[in-house]
Amino acid sequence: MSWRDDPRIKKLLEKATLENLLKPCFERVHEKDEIQKMESTLKYALDKYEENEESETEPLTDECLDALCEITMNHGKNHTPESLLTLSKLFIKVEDWRLACEVIWCSASLAIQEFITDRQLNVKLDTQGQKRAFTRALSHALGNQFSVFEMCHLSFYTNRYGGHDANAALVEAKDFIQKLRAINGMPHLLIATTEGTLYCYRIEHDGGECHLVRQHRIGK
C-alpha cells in the first residue's frame, strides 16, 4: 500500500492544517507582514499532497509511522521545539523538504523564545535579524547555527533544499536546542535592557566582580 493511501498519514495531514498546528507556530515565529504569505504558500503545499502523481516511494515502516503520528497528534497546538522536530521527521519521510525545513525553522525560533521566557529576559525579538543578533550575542557558534535555519526558512520559498539538506538541518537543530538549554548551567549572567541591549557577564566561582564578556545590540 502506498503511504499516500495510509489512513494515519491522511489523519495527520488533516490535523496539520493552518488552524490546528502550523498557523499558531507562524504567529509565534514570523513577522506580522510575513504570516499571510506563509499561510498561502503552505495551503498550496498541502494541496499538492492530493494532486501528486509521482511514483510511489518506499512504504514507511509501521513502527516509525505509528510513533510519529502518536507523538505529533497528542501535542496539538502545544508544540515544543522537540515535537516540531518530530513533525519535521515525518515530512522528511514523505519527502516534502519544504515543509520539513520550515518546521525546523519554527523549532529553532521557538527554542529561542523559550530561552528568553524561561530566563525572564526583557527581550522582544520581532524580526529575523533580531533573532540572529540575539543568538550571536550568546555565542558565535549559536549564531552560525542559526544561519542554517535561516536558509531553511528561505528554502520554503525557493524550494531549493533536498533530503540531504533537510536531514543536515535536523541534526543542527537538535544540537542548537541542546546548546541553548546548556547555557543554563554555565557561570554567566545575561542582562537585557529595555533599550534593546544584551549584556553577558562571566561569574567567577570564587566570588568578586562579574566580568563583561559580550555586549550586543538586539533592537532595530
N, C-alpha and C. Protein backbone atom coordinates (compact mmCIF):
# COMPACT_ATOMS: atom_id res chain seq x y z
N MET A 1 0.84 -1.20 0.00
CA MET A 1 0.00 0.00 0.00
C MET A 1 0.87 1.25 0.00
N SER A 2 0.54 2.20 -0.84
CA SER A 2 1.27 3.45 -0.88
C SER A 2 1.07 4.21 0.42
N TRP A 3 2.12 4.92 0.86
CA TRP A 3 1.98 5.72 2.07
C TRP A 3 0.92 6.80 1.88
N ARG A 4 0.66 7.18 0.63
CA ARG A 4 -0.35 8.21 0.38
C ARG A 4 -1.76 7.71 0.68
N ASP A 5 -1.94 6.38 0.69
CA ASP A 5 -3.25 5.80 0.99
C ASP A 5 -3.38 5.39 2.45
N ASP A 6 -2.31 5.56 3.21
CA ASP A 6 -2.33 5.16 4.61
C ASP A 6 -3.24 6.11 5.40
N PRO A 7 -4.26 5.61 6.08
CA PRO A 7 -5.19 6.48 6.81
C PRO A 7 -4.52 7.28 7.91
N ARG A 8 -3.41 6.76 8.45
CA ARG A 8 -2.72 7.50 9.50
C ARG A 8 -2.08 8.77 8.95
N ILE A 9 -1.51 8.66 7.73
CA ILE A 9 -0.94 9.84 7.09
C ILE A 9 -2.03 10.87 6.80
N LYS A 10 -3.15 10.41 6.25
CA LYS A 10 -4.23 11.33 5.93
C LYS A 10 -4.75 12.03 7.18
N LYS A 11 -4.84 11.28 8.27
CA LYS A 11 -5.33 11.86 9.51
C LYS A 11 -4.35 12.90 10.04
N LEU A 12 -3.07 12.60 9.96
CA LEU A 12 -2.07 13.53 10.45
C LEU A 12 -2.03 14.80 9.62
N LEU A 13 -2.08 14.65 8.30
CA LEU A 13 -2.03 15.82 7.43
C LEU A 13 -3.29 16.67 7.60
N GLU A 14 -4.40 16.03 7.88
CA GLU A 14 -5.63 16.79 8.15
C GLU A 14 -5.47 17.60 9.43
N LYS A 15 -4.81 16.99 10.42
CA LYS A 15 -4.58 17.69 11.68
C LYS A 15 -3.56 18.82 11.51
N ALA A 16 -2.60 18.59 10.63
CA ALA A 16 -1.52 19.57 10.43
C ALA A 16 -1.96 20.66 9.47
N THR A 17 -3.10 21.27 9.75
CA THR A 17 -3.60 22.38 8.94
C THR A 17 -3.17 23.68 9.58
N LEU A 18 -3.46 24.77 8.91
CA LEU A 18 -3.11 26.08 9.45
C LEU A 18 -3.79 26.33 10.79
N GLU A 19 -5.07 25.97 10.90
CA GLU A 19 -5.83 26.26 12.11
C GLU A 19 -5.38 25.42 13.29
N ASN A 20 -4.94 24.19 13.03
CA ASN A 20 -4.67 23.26 14.12
C ASN A 20 -3.22 23.17 14.55
N LEU A 21 -2.28 23.55 13.66
CA LEU A 21 -0.89 23.32 14.04
C LEU A 21 0.05 24.41 13.54
N LEU A 22 0.19 24.56 12.25
CA LEU A 22 1.23 25.43 11.74
C LEU A 22 0.89 26.91 11.82
N LYS A 23 -0.38 27.27 11.73
CA LYS A 23 -0.71 28.68 11.86
C LYS A 23 -0.33 29.23 13.23
N PRO A 24 -0.63 28.52 14.34
CA PRO A 24 -0.16 29.02 15.64
C PRO A 24 1.36 29.16 15.71
N CYS A 25 2.08 28.24 15.04
CA CYS A 25 3.55 28.34 15.01
C CYS A 25 3.97 29.58 14.24
N PHE A 26 3.32 29.83 13.09
CA PHE A 26 3.64 31.00 12.29
C PHE A 26 3.45 32.28 13.10
N GLU A 27 2.37 32.33 13.86
CA GLU A 27 2.06 33.53 14.63
C GLU A 27 3.08 33.78 15.73
N ARG A 28 3.71 32.72 16.21
CA ARG A 28 4.71 32.85 17.27
C ARG A 28 6.10 33.12 16.71
N VAL A 29 6.32 32.76 15.45
CA VAL A 29 7.67 32.78 14.90
C VAL A 29 7.88 33.89 13.89
N HIS A 30 6.92 34.11 13.00
CA HIS A 30 7.14 35.00 11.87
C HIS A 30 6.73 36.44 12.17
N GLU A 31 7.27 37.34 11.37
CA GLU A 31 6.86 38.73 11.44
C GLU A 31 5.44 38.86 10.91
N LYS A 32 4.73 39.91 11.36
CA LYS A 32 3.32 40.06 11.01
C LYS A 32 3.11 40.16 9.50
N ASP A 33 3.97 40.91 8.83
CA ASP A 33 3.78 41.09 7.39
C ASP A 33 4.16 39.86 6.58
N GLU A 34 4.69 38.84 7.27
CA GLU A 34 5.12 37.63 6.59
C GLU A 34 4.12 36.49 6.75
N ILE A 35 3.25 36.59 7.73
CA ILE A 35 2.34 35.49 8.05
C ILE A 35 1.41 35.17 6.89
N GLN A 36 0.82 36.19 6.27
CA GLN A 36 -0.14 35.95 5.19
C GLN A 36 0.50 35.20 4.03
N LYS A 37 1.72 35.60 3.68
CA LYS A 37 2.41 34.92 2.59
C LYS A 37 2.73 33.49 2.97
N MET A 38 3.13 33.27 4.22
CA MET A 38 3.44 31.92 4.66
C MET A 38 2.19 31.05 4.62
N GLU A 39 1.05 31.60 5.01
CA GLU A 39 -0.19 30.83 5.03
C GLU A 39 -0.60 30.40 3.62
N SER A 40 -0.54 31.33 2.68
CA SER A 40 -0.94 30.99 1.31
C SER A 40 0.01 29.98 0.68
N THR A 41 1.30 30.11 0.98
CA THR A 41 2.27 29.16 0.45
C THR A 41 2.06 27.78 1.06
N LEU A 42 1.75 27.74 2.34
CA LEU A 42 1.53 26.46 3.00
C LEU A 42 0.27 25.78 2.47
N LYS A 43 -0.78 26.54 2.24
CA LYS A 43 -2.01 25.97 1.68
C LYS A 43 -1.73 25.30 0.35
N TYR A 44 -0.94 25.98 -0.47
CA TYR A 44 -0.59 25.42 -1.78
C TYR A 44 0.19 24.13 -1.61
N ALA A 45 1.14 24.13 -0.66
CA ALA A 45 1.97 22.94 -0.45
C ALA A 45 1.13 21.76 0.04
N LEU A 46 0.20 22.02 0.96
CA LEU A 46 -0.65 20.94 1.48
C LEU A 46 -1.59 20.40 0.41
N ASP A 47 -2.07 21.27 -0.48
CA ASP A 47 -2.95 20.81 -1.57
C ASP A 47 -2.23 19.84 -2.49
N LYS A 48 -0.92 19.99 -2.60
CA LYS A 48 -0.14 19.14 -3.51
C LYS A 48 -0.13 17.69 -3.07
N TYR A 49 -0.44 17.43 -1.81
CA TYR A 49 -0.49 16.04 -1.38
C TYR A 49 -1.55 15.26 -2.13
N GLU A 50 -2.68 15.91 -2.41
CA GLU A 50 -3.77 15.24 -3.11
C GLU A 50 -3.53 15.19 -4.62
N GLU A 51 -2.73 16.12 -5.15
CA GLU A 51 -2.54 16.21 -6.59
C GLU A 51 -1.31 15.46 -7.07
N ASN A 52 -0.44 15.08 -6.17
CA ASN A 52 0.83 14.48 -6.55
C ASN A 52 0.62 13.14 -7.25
N GLU A 53 1.21 13.00 -8.44
CA GLU A 53 1.07 11.76 -9.21
C GLU A 53 2.42 11.08 -9.44
N GLU A 54 3.42 11.45 -8.63
CA GLU A 54 4.73 10.84 -8.79
C GLU A 54 4.67 9.37 -8.37
N SER A 55 5.67 8.61 -8.80
CA SER A 55 5.71 7.19 -8.45
C SER A 55 5.82 7.01 -6.95
N GLU A 56 5.35 5.88 -6.51
CA GLU A 56 5.32 5.62 -5.07
C GLU A 56 6.72 5.58 -4.49
N THR A 57 6.82 6.12 -3.28
CA THR A 57 8.08 5.97 -2.55
C THR A 57 8.00 4.70 -1.73
N GLU A 58 9.10 4.35 -1.13
CA GLU A 58 9.10 3.14 -0.31
C GLU A 58 8.14 3.31 0.86
N PRO A 59 7.38 2.27 1.16
CA PRO A 59 6.43 2.37 2.28
C PRO A 59 7.17 2.65 3.59
N LEU A 60 6.54 3.45 4.43
CA LEU A 60 7.12 3.71 5.74
C LEU A 60 6.89 2.51 6.64
N THR A 61 7.82 2.27 7.53
CA THR A 61 7.62 1.16 8.46
C THR A 61 6.52 1.52 9.45
N ASP A 62 5.71 0.53 9.81
CA ASP A 62 4.60 0.78 10.72
C ASP A 62 5.07 1.33 12.06
N GLU A 63 6.17 0.81 12.54
CA GLU A 63 6.66 1.24 13.85
C GLU A 63 7.00 2.72 13.85
N CYS A 64 7.71 3.16 12.81
CA CYS A 64 8.12 4.56 12.71
C CYS A 64 6.90 5.45 12.54
N LEU A 65 6.00 5.05 11.67
CA LEU A 65 4.82 5.87 11.38
C LEU A 65 3.92 5.99 12.60
N ASP A 66 3.70 4.88 13.30
CA ASP A 66 2.86 4.92 14.50
C ASP A 66 3.43 5.87 15.55
N ALA A 67 4.74 5.80 15.74
CA ALA A 67 5.38 6.64 16.75
C ALA A 67 5.27 8.11 16.39
N LEU A 68 5.54 8.45 15.13
CA LEU A 68 5.47 9.84 14.70
C LEU A 68 4.06 10.39 14.84
N CYS A 69 3.08 9.62 14.39
CA CYS A 69 1.69 10.08 14.45
C CYS A 69 1.22 10.28 15.88
N GLU A 70 1.56 9.33 16.75
CA GLU A 70 1.11 9.41 18.14
C GLU A 70 1.68 10.63 18.84
N ILE A 71 2.98 10.84 18.69
CA ILE A 71 3.62 11.97 19.36
C ILE A 71 3.09 13.29 18.84
N THR A 72 3.00 13.41 17.52
CA THR A 72 2.59 14.67 16.92
C THR A 72 1.13 14.99 17.21
N MET A 73 0.25 13.99 17.09
CA MET A 73 -1.16 14.23 17.31
C MET A 73 -1.45 14.61 18.75
N ASN A 74 -0.73 14.02 19.68
CA ASN A 74 -1.00 14.28 21.09
C ASN A 74 -0.62 15.70 21.51
N HIS A 75 0.35 16.30 20.82
CA HIS A 75 0.79 17.63 21.20
C HIS A 75 -0.17 18.72 20.72
N GLY A 76 -0.79 18.50 19.57
CA GLY A 76 -1.73 19.50 19.06
C GLY A 76 -1.09 20.87 18.95
N LYS A 77 -1.76 21.87 19.55
CA LYS A 77 -1.27 23.24 19.45
C LYS A 77 -0.10 23.50 20.39
N ASN A 78 0.08 22.67 21.41
CA ASN A 78 1.09 22.92 22.42
C ASN A 78 2.43 22.32 22.03
N HIS A 79 2.94 22.76 20.92
CA HIS A 79 4.19 22.18 20.44
C HIS A 79 5.39 22.72 21.20
N THR A 80 6.39 21.89 21.29
CA THR A 80 7.69 22.25 21.84
C THR A 80 8.69 22.18 20.69
N PRO A 81 9.90 22.70 20.89
CA PRO A 81 10.91 22.55 19.84
C PRO A 81 11.12 21.09 19.44
N GLU A 82 11.08 20.18 20.42
CA GLU A 82 11.29 18.76 20.11
C GLU A 82 10.13 18.17 19.32
N SER A 83 8.90 18.51 19.69
CA SER A 83 7.76 17.93 18.96
C SER A 83 7.69 18.45 17.53
N LEU A 84 8.15 19.68 17.31
CA LEU A 84 8.21 20.19 15.94
C LEU A 84 9.25 19.43 15.13
N LEU A 85 10.35 19.07 15.76
CA LEU A 85 11.36 18.27 15.06
C LEU A 85 10.81 16.89 14.73
N THR A 86 9.97 16.35 15.61
CA THR A 86 9.33 15.07 15.30
C THR A 86 8.44 15.21 14.07
N LEU A 87 7.72 16.31 13.99
CA LEU A 87 6.88 16.55 12.81
C LEU A 87 7.72 16.72 11.55
N SER A 88 8.87 17.38 11.69
CA SER A 88 9.73 17.56 10.52
C SER A 88 10.25 16.22 10.02
N LYS A 89 10.47 15.27 10.94
CA LYS A 89 10.91 13.93 10.52
C LYS A 89 9.86 13.28 9.63
N LEU A 90 8.60 13.49 9.97
CA LEU A 90 7.53 12.91 9.15
C LEU A 90 7.54 13.51 7.75
N PHE A 91 7.68 14.83 7.67
CA PHE A 91 7.72 15.47 6.36
C PHE A 91 8.94 15.02 5.56
N ILE A 92 10.04 14.75 6.26
CA ILE A 92 11.22 14.21 5.57
C ILE A 92 10.92 12.82 5.04
N LYS A 93 10.22 12.01 5.85
CA LYS A 93 9.89 10.66 5.43
C LYS A 93 9.03 10.65 4.16
N VAL A 94 8.11 11.61 4.05
CA VAL A 94 7.24 11.66 2.87
C VAL A 94 7.84 12.56 1.78
N GLU A 95 9.09 12.96 1.99
CA GLU A 95 9.87 13.70 1.01
C GLU A 95 9.29 15.06 0.66
N ASP A 96 8.71 15.73 1.65
CA ASP A 96 8.30 17.12 1.47
C ASP A 96 9.35 17.97 2.17
N TRP A 97 10.40 18.30 1.42
CA TRP A 97 11.53 19.01 2.01
C TRP A 97 11.15 20.43 2.43
N ARG A 98 10.25 21.07 1.69
CA ARG A 98 9.88 22.45 2.01
C ARG A 98 9.23 22.53 3.39
N LEU A 99 8.24 21.70 3.63
CA LEU A 99 7.58 21.73 4.93
C LEU A 99 8.52 21.27 6.04
N ALA A 100 9.35 20.29 5.75
CA ALA A 100 10.31 19.81 6.75
C ALA A 100 11.24 20.94 7.19
N CYS A 101 11.76 21.69 6.21
CA CYS A 101 12.69 22.78 6.53
C CYS A 101 12.00 23.91 7.27
N GLU A 102 10.76 24.22 6.89
CA GLU A 102 10.05 25.30 7.56
C GLU A 102 9.74 24.95 9.01
N VAL A 103 9.38 23.71 9.26
CA VAL A 103 9.10 23.29 10.63
C VAL A 103 10.38 23.28 11.46
N ILE A 104 11.51 22.96 10.85
CA ILE A 104 12.80 23.04 11.54
C ILE A 104 13.08 24.49 11.94
N TRP A 105 12.82 25.42 11.03
CA TRP A 105 12.99 26.84 11.33
C TRP A 105 12.09 27.25 12.50
N CYS A 106 10.84 26.80 12.49
CA CYS A 106 9.92 27.11 13.58
C CYS A 106 10.42 26.53 14.90
N SER A 107 10.99 25.34 14.86
CA SER A 107 11.51 24.70 16.06
C SER A 107 12.64 25.52 16.67
N ALA A 108 13.58 25.96 15.84
CA ALA A 108 14.70 26.76 16.34
C ALA A 108 14.23 28.09 16.89
N SER A 109 13.29 28.73 16.19
CA SER A 109 12.77 30.02 16.65
C SER A 109 12.02 29.87 17.97
N LEU A 110 11.26 28.79 18.10
CA LEU A 110 10.54 28.54 19.34
C LEU A 110 11.50 28.28 20.49
N ALA A 111 12.61 27.61 20.21
CA ALA A 111 13.62 27.35 21.24
C ALA A 111 14.21 28.66 21.76
N ILE A 112 14.41 29.63 20.87
CA ILE A 112 14.92 30.94 21.29
C ILE A 112 13.90 31.64 22.17
N GLN A 113 12.63 31.60 21.78
CA GLN A 113 11.59 32.24 22.57
C GLN A 113 11.47 31.60 23.95
N GLU A 114 11.58 30.29 24.01
CA GLU A 114 11.51 29.61 25.30
C GLU A 114 12.71 29.96 26.17
N PHE A 115 13.87 30.12 25.55
CA PHE A 115 15.08 30.52 26.28
C PHE A 115 14.85 31.87 26.96
N ILE A 116 14.27 32.80 26.22
CA ILE A 116 14.01 34.14 26.76
C ILE A 116 12.97 34.09 27.87
N THR A 117 11.91 33.33 27.64
CA THR A 117 10.83 33.23 28.63
C THR A 117 11.29 32.55 29.91
N ASP A 118 12.01 31.46 29.78
CA ASP A 118 12.46 30.71 30.96
C ASP A 118 13.39 31.53 31.84
N ARG A 119 14.17 32.42 31.24
CA ARG A 119 15.12 33.23 31.99
C ARG A 119 14.57 34.62 32.31
N GLN A 120 13.29 34.84 31.95
CA GLN A 120 12.60 36.09 32.25
C GLN A 120 13.38 37.30 31.76
N LEU A 121 13.91 37.18 30.54
CA LEU A 121 14.63 38.30 29.94
C LEU A 121 13.64 39.28 29.32
N ASN A 122 13.91 40.54 29.50
CA ASN A 122 13.05 41.58 28.93
C ASN A 122 13.50 41.86 27.50
N VAL A 123 13.29 40.86 26.65
CA VAL A 123 13.72 40.95 25.25
C VAL A 123 12.56 40.56 24.36
N LYS A 124 12.32 41.36 23.33
CA LYS A 124 11.30 41.05 22.34
C LYS A 124 11.95 41.03 20.97
N LEU A 125 11.91 39.88 20.33
CA LEU A 125 12.55 39.71 19.03
C LEU A 125 11.46 39.69 17.96
N ASP A 126 11.27 40.82 17.30
CA ASP A 126 10.19 40.95 16.32
C ASP A 126 10.60 40.56 14.91
N THR A 127 11.89 40.53 14.64
CA THR A 127 12.34 40.26 13.28
C THR A 127 13.35 39.12 13.25
N GLN A 128 13.55 38.60 12.07
CA GLN A 128 14.54 37.54 11.88
C GLN A 128 15.94 38.05 12.20
N GLY A 129 16.21 39.30 11.83
CA GLY A 129 17.51 39.88 12.11
C GLY A 129 17.79 40.01 13.60
N GLN A 130 16.77 40.32 14.38
CA GLN A 130 16.94 40.42 15.82
C GLN A 130 17.21 39.06 16.45
N LYS A 131 16.58 38.02 15.92
CA LYS A 131 16.87 36.67 16.41
C LYS A 131 18.31 36.30 16.11
N ARG A 132 18.77 36.67 14.92
CA ARG A 132 20.15 36.38 14.54
C ARG A 132 21.11 37.10 15.47
N ALA A 133 20.84 38.39 15.73
CA ALA A 133 21.71 39.17 16.61
C ALA A 133 21.71 38.62 18.03
N PHE A 134 20.56 38.16 18.49
CA PHE A 134 20.45 37.62 19.84
C PHE A 134 21.30 36.36 19.99
N THR A 135 21.18 35.44 19.03
CA THR A 135 21.95 34.20 19.14
C THR A 135 23.45 34.46 19.02
N ARG A 136 23.83 35.42 18.19
CA ARG A 136 25.25 35.75 18.08
C ARG A 136 25.76 36.41 19.35
N ALA A 137 24.88 37.11 20.05
CA ALA A 137 25.28 37.70 21.32
C ALA A 137 25.55 36.63 22.37
N LEU A 138 24.83 35.52 22.27
CA LEU A 138 25.06 34.41 23.20
C LEU A 138 26.37 33.71 22.90
N SER A 139 26.61 33.41 21.63
CA SER A 139 27.88 32.83 21.20
C SER A 139 27.94 32.84 19.68
N HIS A 140 29.15 32.89 19.15
CA HIS A 140 29.32 32.87 17.70
C HIS A 140 28.87 31.52 17.13
N ALA A 141 29.08 30.46 17.89
CA ALA A 141 28.69 29.13 17.41
C ALA A 141 27.18 29.04 17.23
N LEU A 142 26.43 29.55 18.21
CA LEU A 142 24.97 29.55 18.09
C LEU A 142 24.51 30.43 16.94
N GLY A 143 25.20 31.55 16.77
CA GLY A 143 24.86 32.44 15.67
C GLY A 143 25.08 31.79 14.32
N ASN A 144 26.17 31.05 14.20
CA ASN A 144 26.44 30.34 12.95
C ASN A 144 25.41 29.25 12.69
N GLN A 145 25.00 28.56 13.75
CA GLN A 145 23.97 27.54 13.58
C GLN A 145 22.64 28.17 13.17
N PHE A 146 22.33 29.32 13.71
CA PHE A 146 21.07 29.97 13.38
C PHE A 146 21.00 30.32 11.90
N SER A 147 22.13 30.61 11.30
CA SER A 147 22.14 30.91 9.86
C SER A 147 21.69 29.70 9.05
N VAL A 148 21.93 28.50 9.56
CA VAL A 148 21.46 27.29 8.89
C VAL A 148 19.93 27.27 8.83
N PHE A 149 19.31 27.67 9.92
CA PHE A 149 17.85 27.66 9.98
C PHE A 149 17.25 28.80 9.16
N GLU A 150 17.99 29.89 9.03
CA GLU A 150 17.54 30.97 8.15
C GLU A 150 17.50 30.49 6.70
N MET A 151 18.47 29.69 6.32
CA MET A 151 18.47 29.13 4.97
C MET A 151 17.32 28.14 4.79
N CYS A 152 16.97 27.43 5.86
CA CYS A 152 15.80 26.54 5.81
C CYS A 152 14.54 27.35 5.53
N HIS A 153 14.41 28.45 6.23
CA HIS A 153 13.25 29.33 6.05
C HIS A 153 13.20 29.86 4.62
N LEU A 154 14.34 30.25 4.10
CA LEU A 154 14.40 30.74 2.73
C LEU A 154 14.02 29.66 1.73
N SER A 155 14.41 28.43 2.02
CA SER A 155 14.13 27.33 1.09
C SER A 155 12.65 27.02 0.99
N PHE A 156 11.86 27.46 1.98
CA PHE A 156 10.42 27.28 1.90
C PHE A 156 9.85 28.04 0.70
N TYR A 157 10.49 29.17 0.37
CA TYR A 157 10.05 29.97 -0.77
C TYR A 157 10.72 29.51 -2.06
N THR A 158 12.00 29.15 -1.98
CA THR A 158 12.76 28.81 -3.19
C THR A 158 12.66 27.35 -3.57
N ASN A 159 12.33 26.49 -2.60
CA ASN A 159 12.23 25.04 -2.83
C ASN A 159 13.54 24.47 -3.38
N ARG A 160 14.66 24.95 -2.87
CA ARG A 160 15.97 24.51 -3.36
C ARG A 160 16.60 23.43 -2.49
N TYR A 161 16.03 23.16 -1.34
CA TYR A 161 16.63 22.16 -0.45
C TYR A 161 16.08 20.78 -0.77
N GLY A 162 16.95 19.78 -0.63
CA GLY A 162 16.57 18.40 -0.83
C GLY A 162 16.68 17.62 0.47
N GLY A 163 16.66 16.30 0.34
CA GLY A 163 16.69 15.45 1.51
C GLY A 163 17.95 15.59 2.33
N HIS A 164 19.10 15.69 1.68
CA HIS A 164 20.37 15.82 2.41
C HIS A 164 20.37 17.10 3.23
N ASP A 165 19.90 18.21 2.64
CA ASP A 165 19.88 19.49 3.35
C ASP A 165 18.93 19.44 4.54
N ALA A 166 17.76 18.85 4.34
CA ALA A 166 16.78 18.78 5.42
C ALA A 166 17.29 17.93 6.58
N ASN A 167 17.90 16.81 6.27
CA ASN A 167 18.43 15.94 7.33
C ASN A 167 19.58 16.61 8.07
N ALA A 168 20.43 17.32 7.34
CA ALA A 168 21.54 18.03 7.98
C ALA A 168 21.02 19.13 8.90
N ALA A 169 19.99 19.84 8.45
CA ALA A 169 19.40 20.90 9.27
C ALA A 169 18.74 20.33 10.51
N LEU A 170 18.16 19.15 10.39
CA LEU A 170 17.53 18.50 11.53
C LEU A 170 18.56 18.19 12.61
N VAL A 171 19.72 17.70 12.21
CA VAL A 171 20.81 17.41 13.15
C VAL A 171 21.28 18.70 13.83
N GLU A 172 21.43 19.77 13.03
CA GLU A 172 21.85 21.06 13.58
C GLU A 172 20.83 21.59 14.59
N ALA A 173 19.55 21.41 14.29
CA ALA A 173 18.50 21.91 15.17
C ALA A 173 18.53 21.21 16.53
N LYS A 174 18.74 19.91 16.51
CA LYS A 174 18.82 19.16 17.77
C LYS A 174 19.98 19.68 18.61
N ASP A 175 21.12 19.90 17.98
CA ASP A 175 22.30 20.39 18.69
C ASP A 175 22.08 21.82 19.18
N PHE A 176 21.44 22.64 18.37
CA PHE A 176 21.16 24.03 18.71
C PHE A 176 20.30 24.11 19.97
N ILE A 177 19.26 23.31 20.02
CA ILE A 177 18.36 23.31 21.18
C ILE A 177 19.10 22.86 22.43
N GLN A 178 19.93 21.84 22.31
CA GLN A 178 20.69 21.34 23.46
C GLN A 178 21.67 22.40 23.97
N LYS A 179 22.33 23.10 23.05
CA LYS A 179 23.29 24.13 23.45
C LYS A 179 22.59 25.30 24.13
N LEU A 180 21.43 25.68 23.63
CA LEU A 180 20.69 26.77 24.27
C LEU A 180 20.35 26.42 25.71
N ARG A 181 19.89 25.21 25.92
CA ARG A 181 19.49 24.80 27.26
C ARG A 181 20.69 24.58 28.17
N ALA A 182 21.83 24.26 27.59
CA ALA A 182 23.04 24.05 28.39
C ALA A 182 23.58 25.36 28.94
N ILE A 183 23.21 26.47 28.33
CA ILE A 183 23.67 27.77 28.82
C ILE A 183 23.23 27.99 30.25
N ASN A 184 22.13 27.35 30.63
CA ASN A 184 21.61 27.50 31.99
C ASN A 184 22.61 27.05 33.03
N GLY A 185 23.51 26.12 32.66
CA GLY A 185 24.47 25.61 33.62
C GLY A 185 25.82 26.31 33.57
N MET A 186 25.97 27.26 32.68
CA MET A 186 27.23 27.97 32.55
C MET A 186 27.29 29.12 33.56
N PRO A 187 28.47 29.45 34.04
CA PRO A 187 28.61 30.54 35.01
C PRO A 187 28.56 31.90 34.32
N HIS A 188 27.42 32.23 33.69
CA HIS A 188 27.24 33.50 33.03
C HIS A 188 25.92 34.13 33.47
N LEU A 189 25.89 35.43 33.43
CA LEU A 189 24.69 36.19 33.77
C LEU A 189 24.28 37.01 32.56
N LEU A 190 23.03 36.85 32.13
CA LEU A 190 22.50 37.61 31.00
C LEU A 190 21.59 38.71 31.51
N ILE A 191 21.84 39.93 31.06
CA ILE A 191 21.01 41.07 31.43
C ILE A 191 20.58 41.79 30.16
N ALA A 192 19.27 41.94 30.00
CA ALA A 192 18.73 42.64 28.84
C ALA A 192 18.09 43.94 29.30
N THR A 193 18.40 45.03 28.62
CA THR A 193 17.84 46.33 28.97
C THR A 193 16.63 46.63 28.11
N THR A 194 15.82 47.56 28.57
CA THR A 194 14.63 47.96 27.81
C THR A 194 15.01 48.67 26.53
N GLU A 195 16.24 49.17 26.44
CA GLU A 195 16.69 49.83 25.22
C GLU A 195 17.10 48.84 24.14
N GLY A 196 17.12 47.55 24.47
CA GLY A 196 17.43 46.54 23.46
C GLY A 196 18.88 46.09 23.44
N THR A 197 19.58 46.21 24.56
CA THR A 197 20.97 45.78 24.64
C THR A 197 21.07 44.56 25.55
N LEU A 198 21.83 43.56 25.10
CA LEU A 198 22.04 42.34 25.89
C LEU A 198 23.47 42.33 26.40
N TYR A 199 23.63 42.17 27.72
CA TYR A 199 24.94 42.08 28.34
C TYR A 199 25.16 40.67 28.86
N CYS A 200 26.33 40.12 28.61
CA CYS A 200 26.67 38.78 29.07
C CYS A 200 27.88 38.90 30.01
N TYR A 201 27.70 38.53 31.28
CA TYR A 201 28.76 38.62 32.28
C TYR A 201 29.22 37.22 32.69
N ARG A 202 30.51 37.07 32.89
CA ARG A 202 31.06 35.83 33.43
C ARG A 202 31.15 35.95 34.94
N ILE A 203 30.63 34.94 35.63
CA ILE A 203 30.63 34.94 37.09
C ILE A 203 31.75 34.04 37.59
N GLU A 204 32.65 34.58 38.36
CA GLU A 204 33.77 33.81 38.88
C GLU A 204 33.30 32.91 40.03
N HIS A 205 33.84 31.71 40.09
CA HIS A 205 33.43 30.76 41.13
C HIS A 205 33.82 31.23 42.53
N ASP A 206 34.89 32.01 42.64
CA ASP A 206 35.35 32.45 43.96
C ASP A 206 34.75 33.79 44.37
N GLY A 207 33.69 34.20 43.66
CA GLY A 207 33.04 35.46 44.02
C GLY A 207 33.74 36.65 43.40
N GLY A 208 33.50 37.82 43.97
CA GLY A 208 34.10 39.03 43.43
C GLY A 208 33.25 39.64 42.33
N GLU A 209 33.87 40.48 41.51
CA GLU A 209 33.14 41.20 40.48
C GLU A 209 32.83 40.30 39.28
N CYS A 210 31.73 40.64 38.61
CA CYS A 210 31.40 39.97 37.35
C CYS A 210 32.15 40.66 36.22
N HIS A 211 32.55 39.90 35.24
CA HIS A 211 33.31 40.45 34.12
C HIS A 211 32.44 40.43 32.86
N LEU A 212 32.36 41.58 32.21
CA LEU A 212 31.58 41.69 30.98
C LEU A 212 32.27 40.91 29.86
N VAL A 213 31.58 39.92 29.33
CA VAL A 213 32.13 39.08 28.27
C VAL A 213 31.71 39.60 26.90
N ARG A 214 30.44 39.97 26.78
CA ARG A 214 29.94 40.41 25.48
C ARG A 214 28.78 41.37 25.67
N GLN A 215 28.73 42.35 24.78
CA GLN A 215 27.62 43.30 24.76
C GLN A 215 27.09 43.35 23.34
N HIS A 216 25.77 43.26 23.19
CA HIS A 216 25.22 43.20 21.84
C HIS A 216 23.91 43.96 21.77
N ARG A 217 23.75 44.69 20.67
CA ARG A 217 22.50 45.41 20.41
C ARG A 217 21.55 44.51 19.65
N ILE A 218 20.35 44.28 20.18
CA ILE A 218 19.41 43.38 19.53
C ILE A 218 18.16 44.09 19.05
N GLY A 219 18.06 45.37 19.32
CA GLY A 219 16.90 46.11 18.85
C GLY A 219 17.08 46.52 17.40
N LYS A 220 16.07 47.19 16.86
CA LYS A 220 16.12 47.66 15.47
C LYS A 220 17.13 48.78 15.35
